[in-house]
Amino acid sequence: LNYILRLHTPKQHGRLPFLAYEFT
């Protein structure tokens, strides 16, 4: 499940959503 979530990291939606997603 963690691998699937890593594949769907929002890299193209700005820095703040990207960092918040990775932190969570």
mmCIF file of all heavy atoms, coordinates in Angstrom:
data_MODEL
# 
_entry.id   MODEL 
# 
loop_
_atom_site.group_PDB 
_atom_site.id 
_atom_site.type_symbol 
_atom_site.label_atom_id 
_atom_site.label_alt_id 
_atom_site.label_comp_id 
_atom_site.label_asym_id 
_atom_site.label_entity_id 
_atom_site.label_seq_id 
_atom_site.pdbx_PDB_ins_code 
_atom_site.Cartn_x 
_atom_site.Cartn_y 
_atom_site.Cartn_z 
_atom_site.occupancy 
_atom_site.B_iso_or_equiv 
_atom_site.pdbx_formal_charge 
_atom_site.auth_seq_id 
_atom_site.auth_comp_id 
_atom_site.auth_asym_id 
_atom_site.auth_atom_id 
_atom_site.pdbx_PDB_model_num 
ATOM 1   N N   . LEU A 1 1  ? 0.829  -1.213 0.000   1.00 0.00 ? 1  LEU A N   1 
ATOM 2   C CA  . LEU A 1 1  ? 0.000  0.000  0.000   1.00 0.00 ? 1  LEU A CA  1 
ATOM 3   C C   . LEU A 1 1  ? 0.859  1.256  0.000   1.00 0.00 ? 1  LEU A C   1 
ATOM 4   O O   . LEU A 1 1  ? 0.551  2.238  -0.692  1.00 0.00 ? 1  LEU A O   1 
ATOM 5   C CB  . LEU A 1 1  ? -0.925 -0.006 1.226   1.00 0.00 ? 1  LEU A CB  1 
ATOM 6   C CG  . LEU A 1 1  ? -2.020 -1.075 1.248   1.00 0.00 ? 1  LEU A CG  1 
ATOM 7   C CD1 . LEU A 1 1  ? -2.762 -1.044 2.585   1.00 0.00 ? 1  LEU A CD1 1 
ATOM 8   C CD2 . LEU A 1 1  ? -2.997 -0.860 0.097   1.00 0.00 ? 1  LEU A CD2 1 
ATOM 9   N N   . ASN A 1 2  ? 1.947  1.231  0.769   1.00 0.00 ? 2  ASN A N   1 
ATOM 10  C CA  . ASN A 1 2  ? 2.851  2.382  0.804   1.00 0.00 ? 2  ASN A CA  1 
ATOM 11  C C   . ASN A 1 2  ? 3.495  2.610  -0.565  1.00 0.00 ? 2  ASN A C   1 
ATOM 12  O O   . ASN A 1 2  ? 3.679  3.767  -0.988  1.00 0.00 ? 2  ASN A O   1 
ATOM 13  C CB  . ASN A 1 2  ? 3.934  2.158  1.858   1.00 0.00 ? 2  ASN A CB  1 
ATOM 14  C CG  . ASN A 1 2  ? 4.840  3.357  2.031   1.00 0.00 ? 2  ASN A CG  1 
ATOM 15  O OD1 . ASN A 1 2  ? 4.389  4.490  2.209   1.00 0.00 ? 2  ASN A OD1 1 
ATOM 16  N ND2 . ASN A 1 2  ? 6.140  3.141  1.980   1.00 0.00 ? 2  ASN A ND2 1 
ATOM 17  N N   . TYR A 1 3  ? 3.826  1.542  -1.258  1.00 0.00 ? 3  TYR A N   1 
ATOM 18  C CA  . TYR A 1 3  ? 4.407  1.662  -2.597  1.00 0.00 ? 3  TYR A CA  1 
ATOM 19  C C   . TYR A 1 3  ? 3.407  2.280  -3.581  1.00 0.00 ? 3  TYR A C   1 
ATOM 20  O O   . TYR A 1 3  ? 3.769  3.148  -4.389  1.00 0.00 ? 3  TYR A O   1 
ATOM 21  C CB  . TYR A 1 3  ? 4.839  0.282  -3.089  1.00 0.00 ? 3  TYR A CB  1 
ATOM 22  C CG  . TYR A 1 3  ? 5.364  0.267  -4.505  1.00 0.00 ? 3  TYR A CG  1 
ATOM 23  C CD1 . TYR A 1 3  ? 6.620  0.786  -4.799  1.00 0.00 ? 3  TYR A CD1 1 
ATOM 24  C CD2 . TYR A 1 3  ? 4.595  -0.262 -5.542  1.00 0.00 ? 3  TYR A CD2 1 
ATOM 25  C CE1 . TYR A 1 3  ? 7.114  0.788  -6.097  1.00 0.00 ? 3  TYR A CE1 1 
ATOM 26  C CE2 . TYR A 1 3  ? 5.074  -0.272 -6.842  1.00 0.00 ? 3  TYR A CE2 1 
ATOM 27  C CZ  . TYR A 1 3  ? 6.325  0.258  -7.116  1.00 0.00 ? 3  TYR A CZ  1 
ATOM 28  O OH  . TYR A 1 3  ? 6.796  0.255  -8.404  1.00 0.00 ? 3  TYR A OH  1 
ATOM 29  N N   . ILE A 1 4  ? 2.164  1.880  -3.490  1.00 0.00 ? 4  ILE A N   1 
ATOM 30  C CA  . ILE A 1 4  ? 1.124  2.450  -4.361  1.00 0.00 ? 4  ILE A CA  1 
ATOM 31  C C   . ILE A 1 4  ? 0.945  3.937  -4.075  1.00 0.00 ? 4  ILE A C   1 
ATOM 32  O O   . ILE A 1 4  ? 0.816  4.760  -4.997  1.00 0.00 ? 4  ILE A O   1 
ATOM 33  C CB  . ILE A 1 4  ? -0.202 1.689  -4.171  1.00 0.00 ? 4  ILE A CB  1 
ATOM 34  C CG1 . ILE A 1 4  ? -0.052 0.240  -4.656  1.00 0.00 ? 4  ILE A CG1 1 
ATOM 35  C CG2 . ILE A 1 4  ? -1.335 2.376  -4.920  1.00 0.00 ? 4  ILE A CG2 1 
ATOM 36  C CD1 . ILE A 1 4  ? -1.253 -0.637 -4.359  1.00 0.00 ? 4  ILE A CD1 1 
ATOM 37  N N   . LEU A 1 5  ? 0.965  4.306  -2.794  1.00 0.00 ? 5  LEU A N   1 
ATOM 38  C CA  . LEU A 1 5  ? 0.837  5.723  -2.442  1.00 0.00 ? 5  LEU A CA  1 
ATOM 39  C C   . LEU A 1 5  ? 2.035  6.527  -2.939  1.00 0.00 ? 5  LEU A C   1 
ATOM 40  O O   . LEU A 1 5  ? 1.889  7.682  -3.344  1.00 0.00 ? 5  LEU A O   1 
ATOM 41  C CB  . LEU A 1 5  ? 0.709  5.862  -0.922  1.00 0.00 ? 5  LEU A CB  1 
ATOM 42  C CG  . LEU A 1 5  ? -0.597 5.351  -0.305  1.00 0.00 ? 5  LEU A CG  1 
ATOM 43  C CD1 . LEU A 1 5  ? -0.545 5.446  1.218   1.00 0.00 ? 5  LEU A CD1 1 
ATOM 44  C CD2 . LEU A 1 5  ? -1.781 6.152  -0.839  1.00 0.00 ? 5  LEU A CD2 1 
ATOM 45  N N   . ARG A 1 6  ? 3.216  5.936  -2.916  1.00 0.00 ? 6  ARG A N   1 
ATOM 46  C CA  . ARG A 1 6  ? 4.404  6.637  -3.424  1.00 0.00 ? 6  ARG A CA  1 
ATOM 47  C C   . ARG A 1 6  ? 4.301  6.857  -4.929  1.00 0.00 ? 6  ARG A C   1 
ATOM 48  O O   . ARG A 1 6  ? 4.774  7.876  -5.441  1.00 0.00 ? 6  ARG A O   1 
ATOM 49  C CB  . ARG A 1 6  ? 5.671  5.855  -3.090  1.00 0.00 ? 6  ARG A CB  1 
ATOM 50  C CG  . ARG A 1 6  ? 6.075  5.971  -1.635  1.00 0.00 ? 6  ARG A CG  1 
ATOM 51  C CD  . ARG A 1 6  ? 7.485  5.475  -1.401  1.00 0.00 ? 6  ARG A CD  1 
ATOM 52  N NE  . ARG A 1 6  ? 7.593  4.028  -1.517  1.00 0.00 ? 6  ARG A NE  1 
ATOM 53  C CZ  . ARG A 1 6  ? 8.442  3.386  -2.298  1.00 0.00 ? 6  ARG A CZ  1 
ATOM 54  N NH1 . ARG A 1 6  ? 9.263  4.077  -3.067  1.00 0.00 ? 6  ARG A NH1 1 
ATOM 55  N NH2 . ARG A 1 6  ? 8.473  2.081  -2.334  1.00 0.00 ? 6  ARG A NH2 1 
ATOM 56  N N   . LEU A 1 7  ? 3.702  5.919  -5.642  1.00 0.00 ? 7  LEU A N   1 
ATOM 57  C CA  . LEU A 1 7  ? 3.541  6.075  -7.088  1.00 0.00 ? 7  LEU A CA  1 
ATOM 58  C C   . LEU A 1 7  ? 2.575  7.201  -7.431  1.00 0.00 ? 7  LEU A C   1 
ATOM 59  O O   . LEU A 1 7  ? 2.667  7.786  -8.530  1.00 0.00 ? 7  LEU A O   1 
ATOM 60  C CB  . LEU A 1 7  ? 3.034  4.767  -7.704  1.00 0.00 ? 7  LEU A CB  1 
ATOM 61  C CG  . LEU A 1 7  ? 4.010  3.581  -7.716  1.00 0.00 ? 7  LEU A CG  1 
ATOM 62  C CD1 . LEU A 1 7  ? 3.346  2.365  -8.336  1.00 0.00 ? 7  LEU A CD1 1 
ATOM 63  C CD2 . LEU A 1 7  ? 5.287  3.931  -8.472  1.00 0.00 ? 7  LEU A CD2 1 
ATOM 64  N N   . HIS A 1 8  ? 1.656  7.510  -6.529  1.00 0.00 ? 8  HIS A N   1 
ATOM 65  C CA  . HIS A 1 8  ? 0.641  8.540  -6.786  1.00 0.00 ? 8  HIS A CA  1 
ATOM 66  C C   . HIS A 1 8  ? 0.963  9.851  -6.065  1.00 0.00 ? 8  HIS A C   1 
ATOM 67  O O   . HIS A 1 8  ? 0.070  10.640 -5.764  1.00 0.00 ? 8  HIS A O   1 
ATOM 68  C CB  . HIS A 1 8  ? -0.738 8.036  -6.371  1.00 0.00 ? 8  HIS A CB  1 
ATOM 69  C CG  . HIS A 1 8  ? -1.256 6.927  -7.242  1.00 0.00 ? 8  HIS A CG  1 
ATOM 70  N ND1 . HIS A 1 8  ? -0.900 5.605  -7.040  1.00 0.00 ? 8  HIS A ND1 1 
ATOM 71  C CD2 . HIS A 1 8  ? -2.069 6.942  -8.327  1.00 0.00 ? 8  HIS A CD2 1 
ATOM 72  C CE1 . HIS A 1 8  ? -1.496 4.846  -7.951  1.00 0.00 ? 8  HIS A CE1 1 
ATOM 73  N NE2 . HIS A 1 8  ? -2.212 5.634  -8.742  1.00 0.00 ? 8  HIS A NE2 1 
ATOM 74  N N   . THR A 1 9  ? 2.241  10.097 -5.794  1.00 0.00 ? 9  THR A N   1 
ATOM 75  C CA  . THR A 1 9  ? 2.646  11.362 -5.180  1.00 0.00 ? 9  THR A CA  1 
ATOM 76  C C   . THR A 1 9  ? 2.308  12.520 -6.116  1.00 0.00 ? 9  THR A C   1 
ATOM 77  O O   . THR A 1 9  ? 2.674  12.490 -7.299  1.00 0.00 ? 9  THR A O   1 
ATOM 78  C CB  . THR A 1 9  ? 4.159  11.361 -4.898  1.00 0.00 ? 9  THR A CB  1 
ATOM 79  O OG1 . THR A 1 9  ? 4.472  10.254 -4.043  1.00 0.00 ? 9  THR A OG1 1 
ATOM 80  C CG2 . THR A 1 9  ? 4.576  12.654 -4.223  1.00 0.00 ? 9  THR A CG2 1 
ATOM 81  N N   . PRO A 1 10 ? 1.622  13.560 -5.631  1.00 0.00 ? 10 PRO A N   1 
ATOM 82  C CA  . PRO A 1 10 ? 1.235  14.696 -6.497  1.00 0.00 ? 10 PRO A CA  1 
ATOM 83  C C   . PRO A 1 10 ? 2.415  15.620 -6.789  1.00 0.00 ? 10 PRO A C   1 
ATOM 84  O O   . PRO A 1 10 ? 2.574  16.679 -6.186  1.00 0.00 ? 10 PRO A O   1 
ATOM 85  C CB  . PRO A 1 10 ? 0.158  15.401 -5.660  1.00 0.00 ? 10 PRO A CB  1 
ATOM 86  C CG  . PRO A 1 10 ? 0.516  15.092 -4.245  1.00 0.00 ? 10 PRO A CG  1 
ATOM 87  C CD  . PRO A 1 10 ? 1.103  13.710 -4.254  1.00 0.00 ? 10 PRO A CD  1 
ATOM 88  N N   . LYS A 1 11 ? 3.242  15.239 -7.760  1.00 0.00 ? 11 LYS A N   1 
ATOM 89  C CA  . LYS A 1 11 ? 4.443  16.012 -8.077  1.00 0.00 ? 11 LYS A CA  1 
ATOM 90  C C   . LYS A 1 11 ? 4.151  17.237 -8.938  1.00 0.00 ? 11 LYS A C   1 
ATOM 91  O O   . LYS A 1 11 ? 4.971  18.143 -9.013  1.00 0.00 ? 11 LYS A O   1 
ATOM 92  C CB  . LYS A 1 11 ? 5.456  15.117 -8.801  1.00 0.00 ? 11 LYS A CB  1 
ATOM 93  C CG  . LYS A 1 11 ? 5.859  13.875 -8.022  1.00 0.00 ? 11 LYS A CG  1 
ATOM 94  C CD  . LYS A 1 11 ? 6.809  13.015 -8.837  1.00 0.00 ? 11 LYS A CD  1 
ATOM 95  C CE  . LYS A 1 11 ? 7.165  11.732 -8.091  1.00 0.00 ? 11 LYS A CE  1 
ATOM 96  N NZ  . LYS A 1 11 ? 8.064  10.857 -8.893  1.00 0.00 ? 11 LYS A NZ  1 
ATOM 97  N N   . GLN A 1 12 ? 2.989  17.262 -9.593  1.00 0.00 ? 12 GLN A N   1 
ATOM 98  C CA  . GLN A 1 12 ? 2.699  18.334 -10.550 1.00 0.00 ? 12 GLN A CA  1 
ATOM 99  C C   . GLN A 1 12 ? 1.679  19.338 -10.022 1.00 0.00 ? 12 GLN A C   1 
ATOM 100 O O   . GLN A 1 12 ? 1.135  20.118 -10.796 1.00 0.00 ? 12 GLN A O   1 
ATOM 101 C CB  . GLN A 1 12 ? 2.161  17.717 -11.861 1.00 0.00 ? 12 GLN A CB  1 
ATOM 102 C CG  . GLN A 1 12 ? 3.012  16.608 -12.430 1.00 0.00 ? 12 GLN A CG  1 
ATOM 103 C CD  . GLN A 1 12 ? 4.413  17.066 -12.794 1.00 0.00 ? 12 GLN A CD  1 
ATOM 104 O OE1 . GLN A 1 12 ? 4.629  18.220 -13.148 1.00 0.00 ? 12 GLN A OE1 1 
ATOM 105 N NE2 . GLN A 1 12 ? 5.390  16.162 -12.692 1.00 0.00 ? 12 GLN A NE2 1 
ATOM 106 N N   . HIS A 1 13 ? 1.430  19.329 -8.706  1.00 0.00 ? 13 HIS A N   1 
ATOM 107 C CA  . HIS A 1 13 ? 0.400  20.216 -8.146  1.00 0.00 ? 13 HIS A CA  1 
ATOM 108 C C   . HIS A 1 13 ? 0.976  21.274 -7.219  1.00 0.00 ? 13 HIS A C   1 
ATOM 109 O O   . HIS A 1 13 ? 0.277  21.776 -6.331  1.00 0.00 ? 13 HIS A O   1 
ATOM 110 C CB  . HIS A 1 13 ? -0.651 19.380 -7.405  1.00 0.00 ? 13 HIS A CB  1 
ATOM 111 C CG  . HIS A 1 13 ? -1.422 18.454 -8.289  1.00 0.00 ? 13 HIS A CG  1 
ATOM 112 N ND1 . HIS A 1 13 ? -0.928 17.225 -8.681  1.00 0.00 ? 13 HIS A ND1 1 
ATOM 113 C CD2 . HIS A 1 13 ? -2.636 18.583 -8.879  1.00 0.00 ? 13 HIS A CD2 1 
ATOM 114 C CE1 . HIS A 1 13 ? -1.811 16.620 -9.467  1.00 0.00 ? 13 HIS A CE1 1 
ATOM 115 N NE2 . HIS A 1 13 ? -2.843 17.414 -9.604  1.00 0.00 ? 13 HIS A NE2 1 
ATOM 116 N N   . GLY A 1 14 ? 2.223  21.608 -7.382  1.00 0.00 ? 14 GLY A N   1 
ATOM 117 C CA  . GLY A 1 14 ? 2.816  22.645 -6.541  1.00 0.00 ? 14 GLY A CA  1 
ATOM 118 C C   . GLY A 1 14 ? 3.611  22.054 -5.388  1.00 0.00 ? 14 GLY A C   1 
ATOM 119 O O   . GLY A 1 14 ? 3.467  20.887 -5.026  1.00 0.00 ? 14 GLY A O   1 
ATOM 120 N N   . ARG A 1 15 ? 4.437  22.902 -4.793  1.00 0.00 ? 15 ARG A N   1 
ATOM 121 C CA  . ARG A 1 15 ? 5.352  22.446 -3.748  1.00 0.00 ? 15 ARG A CA  1 
ATOM 122 C C   . ARG A 1 15 ? 4.617  22.100 -2.451  1.00 0.00 ? 15 ARG A C   1 
ATOM 123 O O   . ARG A 1 15 ? 4.918  21.083 -1.814  1.00 0.00 ? 15 ARG A O   1 
ATOM 124 C CB  . ARG A 1 15 ? 6.400  23.527 -3.482  1.00 0.00 ? 15 ARG A CB  1 
ATOM 125 C CG  . ARG A 1 15 ? 7.434  23.150 -2.442  1.00 0.00 ? 15 ARG A CG  1 
ATOM 126 C CD  . ARG A 1 15 ? 8.474  24.254 -2.305  1.00 0.00 ? 15 ARG A CD  1 
ATOM 127 N NE  . ARG A 1 15 ? 9.213  24.424 -3.556  1.00 0.00 ? 15 ARG A NE  1 
ATOM 128 C CZ  . ARG A 1 15 ? 10.083 25.385 -3.760  1.00 0.00 ? 15 ARG A CZ  1 
ATOM 129 N NH1 . ARG A 1 15 ? 10.313 26.287 -2.823  1.00 0.00 ? 15 ARG A NH1 1 
ATOM 130 N NH2 . ARG A 1 15 ? 10.725 25.468 -4.913  1.00 0.00 ? 15 ARG A NH2 1 
ATOM 131 N N   . LEU A 1 16 ? 3.670  22.943 -2.037  1.00 0.00 ? 16 LEU A N   1 
ATOM 132 C CA  . LEU A 1 16 ? 2.998  22.732 -0.749  1.00 0.00 ? 16 LEU A CA  1 
ATOM 133 C C   . LEU A 1 16 ? 2.189  21.438 -0.701  1.00 0.00 ? 16 LEU A C   1 
ATOM 134 O O   . LEU A 1 16 ? 2.342  20.656 0.253   1.00 0.00 ? 16 LEU A O   1 
ATOM 135 C CB  . LEU A 1 16 ? 2.123  23.939 -0.413  1.00 0.00 ? 16 LEU A CB  1 
ATOM 136 C CG  . LEU A 1 16 ? 1.495  23.947 0.979   1.00 0.00 ? 16 LEU A CG  1 
ATOM 137 C CD1 . LEU A 1 16 ? 2.580  23.878 2.050   1.00 0.00 ? 16 LEU A CD1 1 
ATOM 138 C CD2 . LEU A 1 16 ? 0.630  25.183 1.178   1.00 0.00 ? 16 LEU A CD2 1 
ATOM 139 N N   . PRO A 1 17 ? 1.319  21.154 -1.701  1.00 0.00 ? 17 PRO A N   1 
ATOM 140 C CA  . PRO A 1 17 ? 0.613  19.854 -1.676  1.00 0.00 ? 17 PRO A CA  1 
ATOM 141 C C   . PRO A 1 17 ? 1.563  18.664 -1.705  1.00 0.00 ? 17 PRO A C   1 
ATOM 142 O O   . PRO A 1 17 ? 1.322  17.653 -1.041  1.00 0.00 ? 17 PRO A O   1 
ATOM 143 C CB  . PRO A 1 17 ? -0.264 19.905 -2.939  1.00 0.00 ? 17 PRO A CB  1 
ATOM 144 C CG  . PRO A 1 17 ? -0.419 21.344 -3.241  1.00 0.00 ? 17 PRO A CG  1 
ATOM 145 C CD  . PRO A 1 17 ? 0.871  21.990 -2.826  1.00 0.00 ? 17 PRO A CD  1 
ATOM 146 N N   . PHE A 1 18 ? 2.652  18.801 -2.451  1.00 0.00 ? 18 PHE A N   1 
ATOM 147 C CA  . PHE A 1 18 ? 3.634  17.718 -2.539  1.00 0.00 ? 18 PHE A CA  1 
ATOM 148 C C   . PHE A 1 18 ? 4.264  17.433 -1.181  1.00 0.00 ? 18 PHE A C   1 
ATOM 149 O O   . PHE A 1 18 ? 4.349  16.283 -0.733  1.00 0.00 ? 18 PHE A O   1 
ATOM 150 C CB  . PHE A 1 18 ? 4.702  18.102 -3.568  1.00 0.00 ? 18 PHE A CB  1 
ATOM 151 C CG  . PHE A 1 18 ? 5.910  17.213 -3.563  1.00 0.00 ? 18 PHE A CG  1 
ATOM 152 C CD1 . PHE A 1 18 ? 5.834  15.900 -3.980  1.00 0.00 ? 18 PHE A CD1 1 
ATOM 153 C CD2 . PHE A 1 18 ? 7.140  17.691 -3.135  1.00 0.00 ? 18 PHE A CD2 1 
ATOM 154 C CE1 . PHE A 1 18 ? 6.947  15.083 -3.986  1.00 0.00 ? 18 PHE A CE1 1 
ATOM 155 C CE2 . PHE A 1 18 ? 8.258  16.876 -3.133  1.00 0.00 ? 18 PHE A CE2 1 
ATOM 156 C CZ  . PHE A 1 18 ? 8.154  15.579 -3.563  1.00 0.00 ? 18 PHE A CZ  1 
ATOM 157 N N   . LEU A 1 19 ? 4.707  18.489 -0.489  1.00 0.00 ? 19 LEU A N   1 
ATOM 158 C CA  . LEU A 1 19 ? 5.347  18.309 0.813   1.00 0.00 ? 19 LEU A CA  1 
ATOM 159 C C   . LEU A 1 19 ? 4.355  17.820 1.860   1.00 0.00 ? 19 LEU A C   1 
ATOM 160 O O   . LEU A 1 19 ? 4.695  16.977 2.695   1.00 0.00 ? 19 LEU A O   1 
ATOM 161 C CB  . LEU A 1 19 ? 5.983  19.626 1.257   1.00 0.00 ? 19 LEU A CB  1 
ATOM 162 C CG  . LEU A 1 19 ? 7.137  20.142 0.381   1.00 0.00 ? 19 LEU A CG  1 
ATOM 163 C CD1 . LEU A 1 19 ? 7.638  21.477 0.911   1.00 0.00 ? 19 LEU A CD1 1 
ATOM 164 C CD2 . LEU A 1 19 ? 8.269  19.137 0.332   1.00 0.00 ? 19 LEU A CD2 1 
ATOM 165 N N   . ALA A 1 20 ? 3.123  18.355 1.831   1.00 0.00 ? 20 ALA A N   1 
ATOM 166 C CA  . ALA A 1 20 ? 2.103  17.923 2.791   1.00 0.00 ? 20 ALA A CA  1 
ATOM 167 C C   . ALA A 1 20 ? 1.762  16.448 2.590   1.00 0.00 ? 20 ALA A C   1 
ATOM 168 O O   . ALA A 1 20 ? 1.582  15.695 3.561   1.00 0.00 ? 20 ALA A O   1 
ATOM 169 C CB  . ALA A 1 20 ? 0.850  18.784 2.638   1.00 0.00 ? 20 ALA A CB  1 
ATOM 170 N N   . TYR A 1 21 ? 1.688  16.027 1.337   1.00 0.00 ? 21 TYR A N   1 
ATOM 171 C CA  . TYR A 1 21 ? 1.389  14.617 1.035   1.00 0.00 ? 21 TYR A CA  1 
ATOM 172 C C   . TYR A 1 21 ? 2.494  13.721 1.552   1.00 0.00 ? 21 TYR A C   1 
ATOM 173 O O   . TYR A 1 21 ? 2.228  12.677 2.179   1.00 0.00 ? 21 TYR A O   1 
ATOM 174 C CB  . TYR A 1 21 ? 1.219  14.456 -0.471  1.00 0.00 ? 21 TYR A CB  1 
ATOM 175 C CG  . TYR A 1 21 ? 0.898  13.051 -0.914  1.00 0.00 ? 21 TYR A CG  1 
ATOM 176 C CD1 . TYR A 1 21 ? -0.419 12.610 -0.995  1.00 0.00 ? 21 TYR A CD1 1 
ATOM 177 C CD2 . TYR A 1 21 ? 1.917  12.157 -1.266  1.00 0.00 ? 21 TYR A CD2 1 
ATOM 178 C CE1 . TYR A 1 21 ? -0.721 11.315 -1.413  1.00 0.00 ? 21 TYR A CE1 1 
ATOM 179 C CE2 . TYR A 1 21 ? 1.629  10.872 -1.678  1.00 0.00 ? 21 TYR A CE2 1 
ATOM 180 C CZ  . TYR A 1 21 ? 0.313  10.455 -1.754  1.00 0.00 ? 21 TYR A CZ  1 
ATOM 181 O OH  . TYR A 1 21 ? 0.011  9.171  -2.158  1.00 0.00 ? 21 TYR A OH  1 
ATOM 182 N N   . GLU A 1 22 ? 3.741  14.090 1.302   1.00 0.00 ? 22 GLU A N   1 
ATOM 183 C CA  . GLU A 1 22 ? 4.867  13.266 1.738   1.00 0.00 ? 22 GLU A CA  1 
ATOM 184 C C   . GLU A 1 22 ? 4.964  13.211 3.262   1.00 0.00 ? 22 GLU A C   1 
ATOM 185 O O   . GLU A 1 22 ? 5.258  12.157 3.839   1.00 0.00 ? 22 GLU A O   1 
ATOM 186 C CB  . GLU A 1 22 ? 6.168  13.810 1.142   1.00 0.00 ? 22 GLU A CB  1 
ATOM 187 C CG  . GLU A 1 22 ? 6.373  13.437 -0.303  1.00 0.00 ? 22 GLU A CG  1 
ATOM 188 C CD  . GLU A 1 22 ? 6.419  11.934 -0.512  1.00 0.00 ? 22 GLU A CD  1 
ATOM 189 O OE1 . GLU A 1 22 ? 7.189  11.264 0.194   1.00 0.00 ? 22 GLU A OE1 1 
ATOM 190 O OE2 . GLU A 1 22 ? 5.676  11.429 -1.367  1.00 0.00 ? 22 GLU A OE2 1 
ATOM 191 N N   . PHE A 1 23 ? 4.734  14.347 3.914   1.00 0.00 ? 23 PHE A N   1 
ATOM 192 C CA  . PHE A 1 23 ? 4.758  14.367 5.378   1.00 0.00 ? 23 PHE A CA  1 
ATOM 193 C C   . PHE A 1 23 ? 3.681  13.442 5.942   1.00 0.00 ? 23 PHE A C   1 
ATOM 194 O O   . PHE A 1 23 ? 3.952  12.635 6.846   1.00 0.00 ? 23 PHE A O   1 
ATOM 195 C CB  . PHE A 1 23 ? 4.536  15.800 5.878   1.00 0.00 ? 23 PHE A CB  1 
ATOM 196 C CG  . PHE A 1 23 ? 4.472  15.916 7.375   1.00 0.00 ? 23 PHE A CG  1 
ATOM 197 C CD1 . PHE A 1 23 ? 5.633  16.063 8.120   1.00 0.00 ? 23 PHE A CD1 1 
ATOM 198 C CD2 . PHE A 1 23 ? 3.260  15.872 8.048   1.00 0.00 ? 23 PHE A CD2 1 
ATOM 199 C CE1 . PHE A 1 23 ? 5.587  16.171 9.509   1.00 0.00 ? 23 PHE A CE1 1 
ATOM 200 C CE2 . PHE A 1 23 ? 3.196  15.974 9.422   1.00 0.00 ? 23 PHE A CE2 1 
ATOM 201 C CZ  . PHE A 1 23 ? 4.371  16.124 10.154  1.00 0.00 ? 23 PHE A CZ  1 
ATOM 202 N N   . THR A 1 24 ? 2.471  13.528 5.405   1.00 0.00 ? 24 THR A N   1 
ATOM 203 C CA  . THR A 1 24 ? 1.357  12.704 5.897   1.00 0.00 ? 24 THR A CA  1 
ATOM 204 C C   . THR A 1 24 ? 1.589  11.229 5.608   1.00 0.00 ? 24 THR A C   1 
ATOM 205 O O   . THR A 1 24 ? 1.367  10.368 6.471   1.00 0.00 ? 24 THR A O   1 
ATOM 206 C CB  . THR A 1 24 ? 0.043  13.169 5.253   1.00 0.00 ? 24 THR A CB  1 
ATOM 207 O OG1 . THR A 1 24 ? -0.147 14.562 5.501   1.00 0.00 ? 24 THR A OG1 1 
ATOM 208 C CG2 . THR A 1 24 ? -1.137 12.391 5.826   1.00 0.00 ? 24 THR A CG2 1 
# 
